Amino acid sequence: MSSREQRKQAARAARLEALAAATPGLNHSELVRDASAPAAGNTLKQGTDAFDTAGFSGTPSFLVGKTGGPLQPLNWSSLTPGQFTGKINQLLA
């Protein structure tokens, strides 16, 4: 691992430590254990792949669709209820 990658990993660990310390009731040792588990990496990769496949370029980003059906990106210009209800109502009709 390069020194740059080691620094990034250390910075990531420090952010995780700070988050854990600031979150009441969070079990730090479980967080660290679970974050380094293979399943966590697999889940993160699936999410990243879905983000890329949907053509998203930033967050927050949303996919909407009927349960079990295909999902499609929800395009919005402001985070207001009206930006979401129209599309959701179309799906429920």
N, C-alpha and C. Protein backbone atom coordinates (compact mmCIF):
# COMPACT_ATOMS: atom_id res chain seq x y z
N MET A 1 0.85 -1.18 0.00
CA MET A 1 0.00 0.00 0.00
C MET A 1 0.90 1.24 0.00
N SER A 2 0.57 2.19 -0.85
CA SER A 2 1.38 3.41 -0.95
C SER A 2 1.19 4.27 0.29
N SER A 3 2.11 5.18 0.49
CA SER A 3 2.01 6.07 1.66
C SER A 3 0.78 6.97 1.54
N ARG A 4 0.43 7.35 0.31
CA ARG A 4 -0.77 8.16 0.10
C ARG A 4 -2.01 7.38 0.52
N GLU A 5 -2.07 6.13 0.12
CA GLU A 5 -3.20 5.28 0.47
C GLU A 5 -3.25 5.04 1.99
N GLN A 6 -2.10 4.92 2.62
CA GLN A 6 -2.05 4.75 4.08
C GLN A 6 -2.58 6.00 4.78
N ARG A 7 -2.22 7.18 4.26
CA ARG A 7 -2.72 8.43 4.85
C ARG A 7 -4.24 8.55 4.69
N LYS A 8 -4.73 8.17 3.52
CA LYS A 8 -6.18 8.20 3.30
C LYS A 8 -6.89 7.25 4.25
N GLN A 9 -6.32 6.06 4.44
CA GLN A 9 -6.91 5.07 5.33
C GLN A 9 -6.90 5.58 6.77
N ALA A 10 -5.81 6.23 7.18
CA ALA A 10 -5.72 6.78 8.53
C ALA A 10 -6.73 7.91 8.73
N ALA A 11 -6.90 8.75 7.71
CA ALA A 11 -7.87 9.84 7.80
C ALA A 11 -9.28 9.29 7.90
N ARG A 12 -9.57 8.25 7.14
CA ARG A 12 -10.88 7.60 7.18
C ARG A 12 -11.14 7.03 8.57
N ALA A 13 -10.13 6.38 9.14
CA ALA A 13 -10.26 5.80 10.47
C ALA A 13 -10.49 6.90 11.51
N ALA A 14 -9.81 8.02 11.37
CA ALA A 14 -9.97 9.13 12.31
C ALA A 14 -11.39 9.70 12.23
N ARG A 15 -11.93 9.82 11.01
CA ARG A 15 -13.31 10.31 10.86
C ARG A 15 -14.30 9.34 11.50
N LEU A 16 -14.05 8.06 11.32
CA LEU A 16 -14.91 7.04 11.91
C LEU A 16 -14.86 7.11 13.43
N GLU A 17 -13.67 7.29 13.97
CA GLU A 17 -13.49 7.43 15.43
C GLU A 17 -14.27 8.64 15.95
N ALA A 18 -14.15 9.77 15.25
CA ALA A 18 -14.82 11.00 15.68
C ALA A 18 -16.34 10.83 15.61
N LEU A 19 -16.83 10.19 14.55
CA LEU A 19 -18.25 9.95 14.42
C LEU A 19 -18.76 9.04 15.53
N ALA A 20 -18.02 7.99 15.80
CA ALA A 20 -18.42 7.05 16.85
C ALA A 20 -18.44 7.74 18.21
N ALA A 21 -17.45 8.54 18.48
CA ALA A 21 -17.37 9.22 19.78
C ALA A 21 -18.50 10.23 19.95
N ALA A 22 -18.99 10.81 18.85
CA ALA A 22 -20.02 11.84 18.92
C ALA A 22 -21.44 11.26 18.87
N THR A 23 -21.57 9.96 18.71
CA THR A 23 -22.89 9.35 18.56
C THR A 23 -23.25 8.56 19.82
N PRO A 24 -24.17 9.11 20.63
CA PRO A 24 -24.56 8.43 21.86
C PRO A 24 -25.13 7.04 21.57
N GLY A 25 -24.70 6.06 22.34
CA GLY A 25 -25.21 4.71 22.23
C GLY A 25 -24.57 3.86 21.14
N LEU A 26 -23.67 4.43 20.36
CA LEU A 26 -23.02 3.68 19.30
C LEU A 26 -21.90 2.83 19.89
N ASN A 27 -21.88 1.57 19.57
CA ASN A 27 -20.84 0.67 20.05
C ASN A 27 -19.66 0.75 19.08
N HIS A 28 -18.63 1.45 19.50
CA HIS A 28 -17.48 1.71 18.63
C HIS A 28 -16.80 0.44 18.14
N SER A 29 -16.59 -0.54 19.02
CA SER A 29 -15.89 -1.75 18.61
C SER A 29 -16.70 -2.53 17.57
N GLU A 30 -18.03 -2.55 17.71
CA GLU A 30 -18.86 -3.21 16.70
C GLU A 30 -18.82 -2.46 15.38
N LEU A 31 -18.82 -1.13 15.46
CA LEU A 31 -18.75 -0.32 14.24
C LEU A 31 -17.48 -0.61 13.47
N VAL A 32 -16.36 -0.61 14.16
CA VAL A 32 -15.07 -0.87 13.50
C VAL A 32 -15.05 -2.28 12.94
N ARG A 33 -15.51 -3.24 13.71
CA ARG A 33 -15.54 -4.63 13.24
C ARG A 33 -16.41 -4.77 12.00
N ASP A 34 -17.62 -4.23 12.07
CA ASP A 34 -18.56 -4.38 10.97
C ASP A 34 -18.12 -3.61 9.72
N ALA A 35 -17.50 -2.45 9.92
CA ALA A 35 -17.06 -1.64 8.77
C ALA A 35 -15.96 -2.33 7.98
N SER A 36 -15.19 -3.18 8.64
CA SER A 36 -14.10 -3.86 7.94
C SER A 36 -14.48 -5.26 7.47
N ALA A 37 -15.73 -5.66 7.68
CA ALA A 37 -16.19 -6.98 7.25
C ALA A 37 -16.35 -7.01 5.73
N PRO A 38 -16.08 -8.16 5.10
CA PRO A 38 -16.26 -8.27 3.65
C PRO A 38 -17.66 -7.88 3.18
N ALA A 39 -18.68 -8.21 3.97
CA ALA A 39 -20.05 -7.88 3.57
C ALA A 39 -20.25 -6.37 3.44
N ALA A 40 -19.59 -5.59 4.29
CA ALA A 40 -19.71 -4.14 4.20
C ALA A 40 -19.11 -3.65 2.90
N GLY A 41 -17.96 -4.16 2.53
CA GLY A 41 -17.33 -3.78 1.28
C GLY A 41 -18.17 -4.18 0.08
N ASN A 42 -18.77 -5.37 0.13
CA ASN A 42 -19.63 -5.83 -0.97
C ASN A 42 -20.85 -4.93 -1.11
N THR A 43 -21.46 -4.58 0.01
CA THR A 43 -22.64 -3.72 -0.01
C THR A 43 -22.30 -2.34 -0.55
N LEU A 44 -21.17 -1.80 -0.13
CA LEU A 44 -20.73 -0.50 -0.63
C LEU A 44 -20.49 -0.55 -2.13
N LYS A 45 -19.88 -1.63 -2.62
CA LYS A 45 -19.64 -1.77 -4.06
C LYS A 45 -20.95 -1.86 -4.82
N GLN A 46 -21.93 -2.59 -4.29
CA GLN A 46 -23.24 -2.67 -4.95
C GLN A 46 -23.88 -1.30 -5.05
N GLY A 47 -23.80 -0.54 -3.97
CA GLY A 47 -24.37 0.81 -3.98
C GLY A 47 -23.66 1.73 -4.96
N THR A 48 -22.36 1.64 -4.99
CA THR A 48 -21.57 2.46 -5.91
C THR A 48 -21.89 2.08 -7.36
N ASP A 49 -21.99 0.79 -7.62
CA ASP A 49 -22.34 0.33 -8.98
C ASP A 49 -23.73 0.83 -9.39
N ALA A 50 -24.69 0.76 -8.47
CA ALA A 50 -26.05 1.23 -8.77
C ALA A 50 -26.05 2.73 -9.03
N PHE A 51 -25.28 3.48 -8.25
CA PHE A 51 -25.16 4.92 -8.41
C PHE A 51 -24.61 5.24 -9.80
N ASP A 52 -23.55 4.54 -10.19
CA ASP A 52 -22.94 4.77 -11.50
C ASP A 52 -23.87 4.36 -12.63
N THR A 53 -24.53 3.22 -12.50
CA THR A 53 -25.44 2.72 -13.53
C THR A 53 -26.60 3.69 -13.75
N ALA A 54 -27.10 4.30 -12.68
CA ALA A 54 -28.21 5.25 -12.78
C ALA A 54 -27.77 6.57 -13.38
N GLY A 55 -26.47 6.77 -13.52
CA GLY A 55 -25.97 8.02 -14.09
C GLY A 55 -25.95 9.18 -13.12
N PHE A 56 -25.97 8.88 -11.83
CA PHE A 56 -25.94 9.95 -10.83
C PHE A 56 -24.57 10.60 -10.80
N SER A 57 -24.57 11.89 -10.45
CA SER A 57 -23.30 12.60 -10.34
C SER A 57 -23.13 13.25 -8.97
N GLY A 58 -24.11 13.14 -8.11
CA GLY A 58 -24.01 13.73 -6.78
C GLY A 58 -25.08 13.20 -5.86
N THR A 59 -25.06 13.68 -4.65
CA THR A 59 -26.05 13.26 -3.66
C THR A 59 -26.78 14.48 -3.14
N PRO A 60 -28.00 14.35 -2.66
CA PRO A 60 -28.74 13.10 -2.62
C PRO A 60 -29.27 12.74 -4.01
N SER A 61 -29.37 11.46 -4.26
CA SER A 61 -29.91 10.92 -5.50
C SER A 61 -30.92 9.84 -5.14
N PHE A 62 -31.96 9.72 -5.95
CA PHE A 62 -33.04 8.81 -5.61
C PHE A 62 -33.44 7.96 -6.80
N LEU A 63 -33.71 6.70 -6.54
CA LEU A 63 -34.32 5.79 -7.49
C LEU A 63 -35.72 5.48 -6.98
N VAL A 64 -36.71 5.51 -7.87
CA VAL A 64 -38.08 5.21 -7.46
C VAL A 64 -38.66 4.16 -8.38
N GLY A 65 -39.60 3.40 -7.85
CA GLY A 65 -40.27 2.38 -8.63
C GLY A 65 -41.16 1.55 -7.73
N LYS A 66 -42.03 0.78 -8.36
CA LYS A 66 -42.90 -0.11 -7.60
C LYS A 66 -42.06 -1.23 -7.01
N THR A 67 -42.48 -1.74 -5.87
CA THR A 67 -41.77 -2.83 -5.21
C THR A 67 -41.59 -4.01 -6.16
N GLY A 68 -40.35 -4.44 -6.31
CA GLY A 68 -40.03 -5.57 -7.18
C GLY A 68 -39.91 -5.21 -8.64
N GLY A 69 -40.22 -3.98 -9.00
CA GLY A 69 -40.16 -3.55 -10.39
C GLY A 69 -38.89 -2.78 -10.68
N PRO A 70 -38.75 -2.33 -11.90
CA PRO A 70 -37.55 -1.56 -12.26
C PRO A 70 -37.55 -0.20 -11.56
N LEU A 71 -36.37 0.25 -11.25
CA LEU A 71 -36.21 1.56 -10.62
C LEU A 71 -35.72 2.56 -11.66
N GLN A 72 -36.12 3.80 -11.48
CA GLN A 72 -35.66 4.85 -12.38
C GLN A 72 -35.26 6.07 -11.56
N PRO A 73 -34.29 6.83 -12.07
CA PRO A 73 -33.84 8.02 -11.33
C PRO A 73 -34.97 9.02 -11.18
N LEU A 74 -35.03 9.65 -10.04
CA LEU A 74 -35.97 10.73 -9.79
C LEU A 74 -35.20 12.03 -9.95
N ASN A 75 -35.54 12.78 -10.97
CA ASN A 75 -34.87 14.06 -11.22
C ASN A 75 -35.61 15.15 -10.46
N TRP A 76 -34.87 16.01 -9.81
CA TRP A 76 -35.46 17.06 -9.00
C TRP A 76 -34.57 18.29 -9.08
N SER A 77 -35.17 19.46 -8.78
CA SER A 77 -34.40 20.70 -8.79
C SER A 77 -34.32 21.34 -7.41
N SER A 78 -35.19 20.91 -6.51
CA SER A 78 -35.12 21.39 -5.13
C SER A 78 -35.69 20.30 -4.22
N LEU A 79 -35.20 20.26 -3.00
CA LEU A 79 -35.66 19.23 -2.06
C LEU A 79 -36.94 19.70 -1.37
N THR A 80 -38.01 19.69 -2.14
CA THR A 80 -39.33 20.04 -1.62
C THR A 80 -40.29 18.89 -1.90
N PRO A 81 -41.34 18.76 -1.12
CA PRO A 81 -42.27 17.64 -1.33
C PRO A 81 -42.81 17.57 -2.76
N GLY A 82 -43.10 18.70 -3.36
CA GLY A 82 -43.65 18.71 -4.71
C GLY A 82 -42.75 18.07 -5.74
N GLN A 83 -41.46 18.06 -5.49
CA GLN A 83 -40.51 17.44 -6.43
C GLN A 83 -40.62 15.92 -6.41
N PHE A 84 -41.20 15.38 -5.38
CA PHE A 84 -41.27 13.94 -5.20
C PHE A 84 -42.68 13.38 -5.37
N THR A 85 -43.68 14.10 -4.90
CA THR A 85 -45.04 13.55 -4.87
C THR A 85 -45.59 13.23 -6.24
N GLY A 86 -45.31 14.07 -7.23
CA GLY A 86 -45.83 13.81 -8.58
C GLY A 86 -45.36 12.47 -9.12
N LYS A 87 -44.08 12.22 -9.04
CA LYS A 87 -43.52 10.96 -9.54
C LYS A 87 -44.03 9.78 -8.72
N ILE A 88 -44.07 9.93 -7.43
CA ILE A 88 -44.55 8.84 -6.57
C ILE A 88 -46.03 8.56 -6.84
N ASN A 89 -46.81 9.60 -7.02
CA ASN A 89 -48.24 9.40 -7.32
C ASN A 89 -48.43 8.70 -8.66
N GLN A 90 -47.59 9.00 -9.64
CA GLN A 90 -47.64 8.30 -10.94
C GLN A 90 -47.39 6.81 -10.74
N LEU A 91 -46.42 6.49 -9.91
CA LEU A 91 -46.09 5.09 -9.68
C LEU A 91 -47.19 4.34 -8.94
N LEU A 92 -47.90 5.05 -8.08
CA LEU A 92 -48.95 4.42 -7.29
C LEU A 92 -50.26 4.27 -8.07
N ALA A 93 -50.40 4.99 -9.15
CA ALA A 93 -51.66 4.95 -9.94
C ALA A 93 -51.82 3.64 -10.67
